[in-house]
Amino acid sequence: MRGAKKTYVIQTMSGREARVKALIEKIVGPELVSECFIPTFVVRKRYGDEIRLKEKKLTPGYLYVVSPYIDAASRALRDVPAFTRLLSQDDRFIPLESADMAWIERLTRPNERVIGMSTGVIEHDNVIVQSGPLKGLEGWIRKIDRHKCLAFLEVRILGRTKTIGVGLEIVRRTD
């Protein structure tokens, strides 16, 4: 029986998320899972004199599946030859609450769950994001690490409030 498409969380070994994602897409298939993703964010890294953009996992050890058929998908997941565990409570698979998914939806696009790099300025201790996914979301920023080009956001994920880092380059500061 088809239900509403909901997002569920799968726990796996950290560092193996991409391999597990590929196995799920191959074994479980698009009939049962409409989207399988590992949310990432882009950050600038300095390597000597060179600056490169690098993608980092937002929630290491977890990947997400969107499915209207979670019971059938969970049975198919048993055939994936890797450690996976669909998060559940009292033997019921628990979908992410809409608040847990809202910020991911706001900062990324379906089938491209990458939070891009933002740029901004600091004017009189106020952060103003000029471009990127954080534009207009300055109220979400709790702390900035200018050296590492990171903004730390307080978001709701997996039923808890968590601080996550995403890429933000401060290009100017005025006092």
C-alpha atoms as a PDB file:
ATOM      1  CA  MET A   1       0.000   0.000   0.000  1.00  0.00           C
ATOM      2  CA  ARG A   2       1.336   3.387  -0.991  1.00  0.00           C
ATOM      3  CA  GLY A   3       1.636   6.005   1.712  1.00  0.00           C
ATOM      4  CA  ALA A   4       2.828   9.577   1.668  1.00  0.00           C
ATOM      5  CA  LYS A   5       6.484  10.076   0.794  1.00  0.00           C
ATOM      6  CA  LYS A   6       8.367  10.532   4.035  1.00  0.00           C
ATOM      7  CA  THR A   7      12.044  10.794   4.883  1.00  0.00           C
ATOM      8  CA  TYR A   8      13.658   8.134   7.083  1.00  0.00           C
ATOM      9  CA  VAL A   9      17.135   7.930   8.568  1.00  0.00           C
ATOM     10  CA  ILE A  10      19.501   5.008   8.070  1.00  0.00           C
ATOM     11  CA  GLN A  11      22.468   4.550  10.360  1.00  0.00           C
ATOM     12  CA  THR A  12      25.626   2.989   8.978  1.00  0.00           C
ATOM     13  CA  MET A  13      29.348   3.028   9.681  1.00  0.00           C
ATOM     14  CA  SER A  14      30.934   6.459   9.362  1.00  0.00           C
ATOM     15  CA  GLY A  15      33.025   6.647   6.203  1.00  0.00           C
ATOM     16  CA  ARG A  16      30.911   4.034   4.391  1.00  0.00           C
ATOM     17  CA  GLU A  17      27.911   6.224   3.628  1.00  0.00           C
ATOM     18  CA  ALA A  18      28.611   6.560  -0.132  1.00  0.00           C
ATOM     19  CA  ARG A  19      29.108   2.807  -0.535  1.00  0.00           C
ATOM     20  CA  VAL A  20      25.887   2.056   1.333  1.00  0.00           C
ATOM     21  CA  LYS A  21      24.019   4.698  -0.700  1.00  0.00           C
ATOM     22  CA  ALA A  22      25.160   3.044  -3.950  1.00  0.00           C
ATOM     23  CA  LEU A  23      24.116  -0.390  -2.669  1.00  0.00           C
ATOM     24  CA  ILE A  24      20.688   0.880  -1.609  1.00  0.00           C
ATOM     25  CA  GLU A  25      20.129   2.505  -4.997  1.00  0.00           C
ATOM     26  CA  LYS A  26      21.168  -0.711  -6.748  1.00  0.00           C
ATOM     27  CA  ILE A  27      19.458  -3.308  -4.528  1.00  0.00           C
ATOM     28  CA  VAL A  28      16.395  -1.505  -3.189  1.00  0.00           C
ATOM     29  CA  GLY A  29      15.811   0.550  -6.314  1.00  0.00           C
ATOM     30  CA  PRO A  30      13.766   3.614  -7.244  1.00  0.00           C
ATOM     31  CA  GLU A  31      10.473   1.723  -7.008  1.00  0.00           C
ATOM     32  CA  LEU A  32      10.746   1.673  -3.195  1.00  0.00           C
ATOM     33  CA  VAL A  33      13.115   4.579  -2.509  1.00  0.00           C
ATOM     34  CA  SER A  34      12.513   7.759  -4.511  1.00  0.00           C
ATOM     35  CA  GLU A  35      15.594   9.501  -3.094  1.00  0.00           C
ATOM     36  CA  CYS A  36      18.606   8.353  -1.092  1.00  0.00           C
ATOM     37  CA  PHE A  37      21.001  11.070   0.020  1.00  0.00           C
ATOM     38  CA  ILE A  38      23.908  12.005   2.241  1.00  0.00           C
ATOM     39  CA  PRO A  39      23.625  15.709   3.088  1.00  0.00           C
ATOM     40  CA  THR A  40      26.926  17.533   2.654  1.00  0.00           C
ATOM     41  CA  PHE A  41      28.222  21.082   2.824  1.00  0.00           C
ATOM     42  CA  VAL A  42      30.953  22.899   0.931  1.00  0.00           C
ATOM     43  CA  VAL A  43      33.806  24.529   2.816  1.00  0.00           C
ATOM     44  CA  ARG A  44      37.000  26.275   1.712  1.00  0.00           C
ATOM     45  CA  LYS A  45      40.235  24.535   2.674  1.00  0.00           C
ATOM     46  CA  ARG A  46      43.717  25.946   2.363  1.00  0.00           C
ATOM     47  CA  TYR A  47      46.407  23.583   1.088  1.00  0.00           C
ATOM     48  CA  GLY A  48      49.636  25.562   1.259  1.00  0.00           C
ATOM     49  CA  ASP A  49      49.089  28.591  -0.992  1.00  0.00           C
ATOM     50  CA  GLU A  50      46.132  26.996  -2.755  1.00  0.00           C
ATOM     51  CA  ILE A  51      42.498  27.280  -1.663  1.00  0.00           C
ATOM     52  CA  ARG A  52      40.106  24.488  -2.697  1.00  0.00           C
ATOM     53  CA  LEU A  53      36.451  23.769  -2.107  1.00  0.00           C
ATOM     54  CA  LYS A  54      35.796  20.522  -0.273  1.00  0.00           C
ATOM     55  CA  GLU A  55      32.562  18.678   0.499  1.00  0.00           C
ATOM     56  CA  LYS A  56      32.073  17.380   4.037  1.00  0.00           C
ATOM     57  CA  LYS A  57      29.311  15.210   5.475  1.00  0.00           C
ATOM     58  CA  LEU A  58      26.722  17.051   7.521  1.00  0.00           C
ATOM     59  CA  THR A  59      25.753  14.012   9.612  1.00  0.00           C
ATOM     60  CA  PRO A  60      28.533  11.385   9.431  1.00  0.00           C
ATOM     61  CA  GLY A  61      27.253   7.831   9.853  1.00  0.00           C
ATOM     62  CA  TYR A  62      23.761   8.610   8.578  1.00  0.00           C
ATOM     63  CA  LEU A  63      22.024   8.687   5.235  1.00  0.00           C
ATOM     64  CA  TYR A  64      18.444   9.484   4.378  1.00  0.00           C
ATOM     65  CA  VAL A  65      15.835   7.739   2.230  1.00  0.00           C
ATOM     66  CA  VAL A  66      12.558   9.088   0.933  1.00  0.00           C
ATOM     67  CA  SER A  67       9.929   6.412   0.467  1.00  0.00           C
ATOM     68  CA  PRO A  68       6.161   5.982   0.368  1.00  0.00           C
ATOM     69  CA  TYR A  69       6.664   2.224   0.925  1.00  0.00           C
ATOM     70  CA  ILE A  70       8.812   2.078   4.047  1.00  0.00           C
ATOM     71  CA  ASP A  71       7.770  -1.438   5.118  1.00  0.00           C
ATOM     72  CA  ALA A  72       8.713  -2.917   1.733  1.00  0.00           C
ATOM     73  CA  ALA A  73      11.853  -0.763   1.596  1.00  0.00           C
ATOM     74  CA  SER A  74      12.945  -1.946   5.063  1.00  0.00           C
ATOM     75  CA  ARG A  75      12.550  -5.593   3.971  1.00  0.00           C
ATOM     76  CA  ALA A  76      14.652  -4.847   0.865  1.00  0.00           C
ATOM     77  CA  LEU A  77      17.282  -3.144   3.045  1.00  0.00           C
ATOM     78  CA  ARG A  78      17.984  -6.525   4.670  1.00  0.00           C
ATOM     79  CA  ASP A  79      19.545  -7.573   1.335  1.00  0.00           C
ATOM     80  CA  VAL A  80      22.088  -4.735   1.440  1.00  0.00           C
ATOM     81  CA  PRO A  81      25.441  -6.377   2.326  1.00  0.00           C
ATOM     82  CA  ALA A  82      26.541  -3.630   4.713  1.00  0.00           C
ATOM     83  CA  PHE A  83      25.660  -2.569   8.220  1.00  0.00           C
ATOM     84  CA  THR A  84      22.487  -0.526   8.030  1.00  0.00           C
ATOM     85  CA  ARG A  85      19.849   0.191  10.605  1.00  0.00           C
ATOM     86  CA  LEU A  86      16.677   2.074   9.871  1.00  0.00           C
ATOM     87  CA  LEU A  87      16.000   4.222  12.910  1.00  0.00           C
ATOM     88  CA  SER A  88      12.874   3.079  14.690  1.00  0.00           C
ATOM     89  CA  GLN A  89      11.052   3.255  17.986  1.00  0.00           C
ATOM     90  CA  ASP A  90       8.992   0.404  19.438  1.00  0.00           C
ATOM     91  CA  ASP A  91       9.439  -1.574  16.177  1.00  0.00           C
ATOM     92  CA  ARG A  92       7.908   1.287  14.161  1.00  0.00           C
ATOM     93  CA  PHE A  93       9.963   3.173  11.611  1.00  0.00           C
ATOM     94  CA  ILE A  94       9.878   6.821  12.518  1.00  0.00           C
ATOM     95  CA  PRO A  95       9.985   9.374   9.690  1.00  0.00           C
ATOM     96  CA  LEU A  96      11.750  12.667  10.183  1.00  0.00           C
ATOM     97  CA  GLU A  97       9.419  15.332  11.466  1.00  0.00           C
ATOM     98  CA  SER A  98       8.694  18.168   9.078  1.00  0.00           C
ATOM     99  CA  ALA A  99      10.813  20.549  11.213  1.00  0.00           C
ATOM    100  CA  ASP A 100      13.770  18.136  10.925  1.00  0.00           C
ATOM    101  CA  MET A 101      13.492  18.122   7.148  1.00  0.00           C
ATOM    102  CA  ALA A 102      12.521  21.803   6.684  1.00  0.00           C
ATOM    103  CA  TRP A 103      16.019  23.223   7.096  1.00  0.00           C
ATOM    104  CA  ILE A 104      17.508  20.576   4.761  1.00  0.00           C
ATOM    105  CA  GLU A 105      14.838  21.443   2.174  1.00  0.00           C
ATOM    106  CA  ARG A 106      15.550  25.174   2.654  1.00  0.00           C
ATOM    107  CA  LEU A 107      19.321  24.884   2.212  1.00  0.00           C
ATOM    108  CA  THR A 108      19.475  22.205  -0.523  1.00  0.00           C
ATOM    109  CA  ARG A 109      17.624  20.946  -3.598  1.00  0.00           C
ATOM    110  CA  PRO A 110      16.165  17.453  -4.164  1.00  0.00           C
ATOM    111  CA  ASN A 111      18.696  15.061  -5.712  1.00  0.00           C
ATOM    112  CA  GLU A 112      21.456  17.573  -4.907  1.00  0.00           C
ATOM    113  CA  ARG A 113      21.626  17.672  -1.123  1.00  0.00           C
ATOM    114  CA  VAL A 114      24.717  19.887  -0.931  1.00  0.00           C
ATOM    115  CA  ILE A 115      24.747  23.100   1.098  1.00  0.00           C
ATOM    116  CA  GLY A 116      26.887  25.439  -0.989  1.00  0.00           C
ATOM    117  CA  MET A 117      29.331  28.035   0.240  1.00  0.00           C
ATOM    118  CA  SER A 118      27.881  31.391   1.332  1.00  0.00           C
ATOM    119  CA  THR A 119      29.639  34.743   1.486  1.00  0.00           C
ATOM    120  CA  GLY A 120      28.934  37.648   3.765  1.00  0.00           C
ATOM    121  CA  VAL A 121      30.191  40.641   5.696  1.00  0.00           C
ATOM    122  CA  ILE A 122      30.214  41.660   9.326  1.00  0.00           C
ATOM    123  CA  GLU A 123      28.995  45.197   9.939  1.00  0.00           C
ATOM    124  CA  HIS A 124      29.060  46.426  13.541  1.00  0.00           C
ATOM    125  CA  ASP A 125      28.933  42.849  14.924  1.00  0.00           C
ATOM    126  CA  ASN A 126      25.994  41.915  12.650  1.00  0.00           C
ATOM    127  CA  VAL A 127      26.437  39.184  10.050  1.00  0.00           C
ATOM    128  CA  ILE A 128      24.946  39.984   6.650  1.00  0.00           C
ATOM    129  CA  VAL A 129      24.993  37.082   4.198  1.00  0.00           C
ATOM    130  CA  GLN A 130      25.308  38.477   0.682  1.00  0.00           C
ATOM    131  CA  SER A 131      25.029  35.283  -1.357  1.00  0.00           C
ATOM    132  CA  GLY A 132      24.565  31.545  -1.009  1.00  0.00           C
ATOM    133  CA  PRO A 133      22.098  29.313   0.803  1.00  0.00           C
ATOM    134  CA  LEU A 134      22.414  31.196   4.116  1.00  0.00           C
ATOM    135  CA  LYS A 135      21.179  34.471   2.571  1.00  0.00           C
ATOM    136  CA  GLY A 136      18.231  35.653   4.647  1.00  0.00           C
ATOM    137  CA  LEU A 137      18.927  33.104   7.375  1.00  0.00           C
ATOM    138  CA  GLU A 138      21.306  35.179   9.476  1.00  0.00           C
ATOM    139  CA  GLY A 139      19.138  34.476  12.537  1.00  0.00           C
ATOM    140  CA  TRP A 140      20.100  30.800  12.343  1.00  0.00           C
ATOM    141  CA  ILE A 141      23.810  31.599  12.790  1.00  0.00           C
ATOM    142  CA  ARG A 142      25.022  31.120  16.366  1.00  0.00           C
ATOM    143  CA  LYS A 143      28.784  31.433  15.870  1.00  0.00           C
ATOM    144  CA  ILE A 144      31.316  32.086  13.105  1.00  0.00           C
ATOM    145  CA  ASP A 145      34.840  30.716  12.671  1.00  0.00           C
ATOM    146  CA  ARG A 146      36.383  33.140  10.161  1.00  0.00           C
ATOM    147  CA  HIS A 147      39.632  31.144   9.993  1.00  0.00           C
ATOM    148  CA  LYS A 148      37.873  27.949   8.885  1.00  0.00           C
ATOM    149  CA  CYS A 149      35.162  29.776   6.884  1.00  0.00           C
ATOM    150  CA  LEU A 150      32.390  28.156   8.907  1.00  0.00           C
ATOM    151  CA  ALA A 151      29.090  29.336  10.304  1.00  0.00           C
ATOM    152  CA  PHE A 152      27.588  27.259  13.072  1.00  0.00           C
ATOM    153  CA  LEU A 153      23.821  26.890  12.930  1.00  0.00           C
ATOM    154  CA  GLU A 154      21.476  25.549  15.537  1.00  0.00           C
ATOM    155  CA  VAL A 155      19.032  23.209  13.781  1.00  0.00           C
ATOM    156  CA  ARG A 156      16.632  20.466  14.694  1.00  0.00           C
ATOM    157  CA  ILE A 157      17.719  17.053  13.468  1.00  0.00           C
ATOM    158  CA  LEU A 158      16.762  13.549  14.545  1.00  0.00           C
ATOM    159  CA  GLY A 159      14.470  15.016  17.175  1.00  0.00           C
ATOM    160  CA  ARG A 160      17.196  17.044  18.880  1.00  0.00           C
ATOM    161  CA  THR A 161      18.654  20.497  18.578  1.00  0.00           C
ATOM    162  CA  LYS A 162      22.160  20.220  17.192  1.00  0.00           C
ATOM    163  CA  THR A 163      24.871  22.655  16.168  1.00  0.00           C
ATOM    164  CA  ILE A 164      26.181  22.041  12.652  1.00  0.00           C
ATOM    165  CA  GLY A 165      28.820  23.831  10.627  1.00  0.00           C
ATOM    166  CA  VAL A 166      28.300  25.064   7.062  1.00  0.00           C
ATOM    167  CA  GLY A 167      30.523  27.104   4.749  1.00  0.00           C
ATOM    168  CA  LEU A 168      30.495  30.887   5.167  1.00  0.00           C
ATOM    169  CA  GLU A 169      33.297  33.156   4.003  1.00  0.00           C
ATOM    170  CA  ILE A 170      33.386  36.605   5.595  1.00  0.00           C
ATOM    171  CA  VAL A 171      34.859  38.885   2.927  1.00  0.00           C
ATOM    172  CA  ARG A 172      34.834  42.114   4.919  1.00  0.00           C
ATOM    173  CA  ARG A 173      34.408  43.413   8.438  1.00  0.00           C
ATOM    174  CA  THR A 174      33.549  46.969   9.364  1.00  0.00           C
ATOM    175  CA  ASP A 175      33.324  48.337  12.881  1.00  0.00           C
END
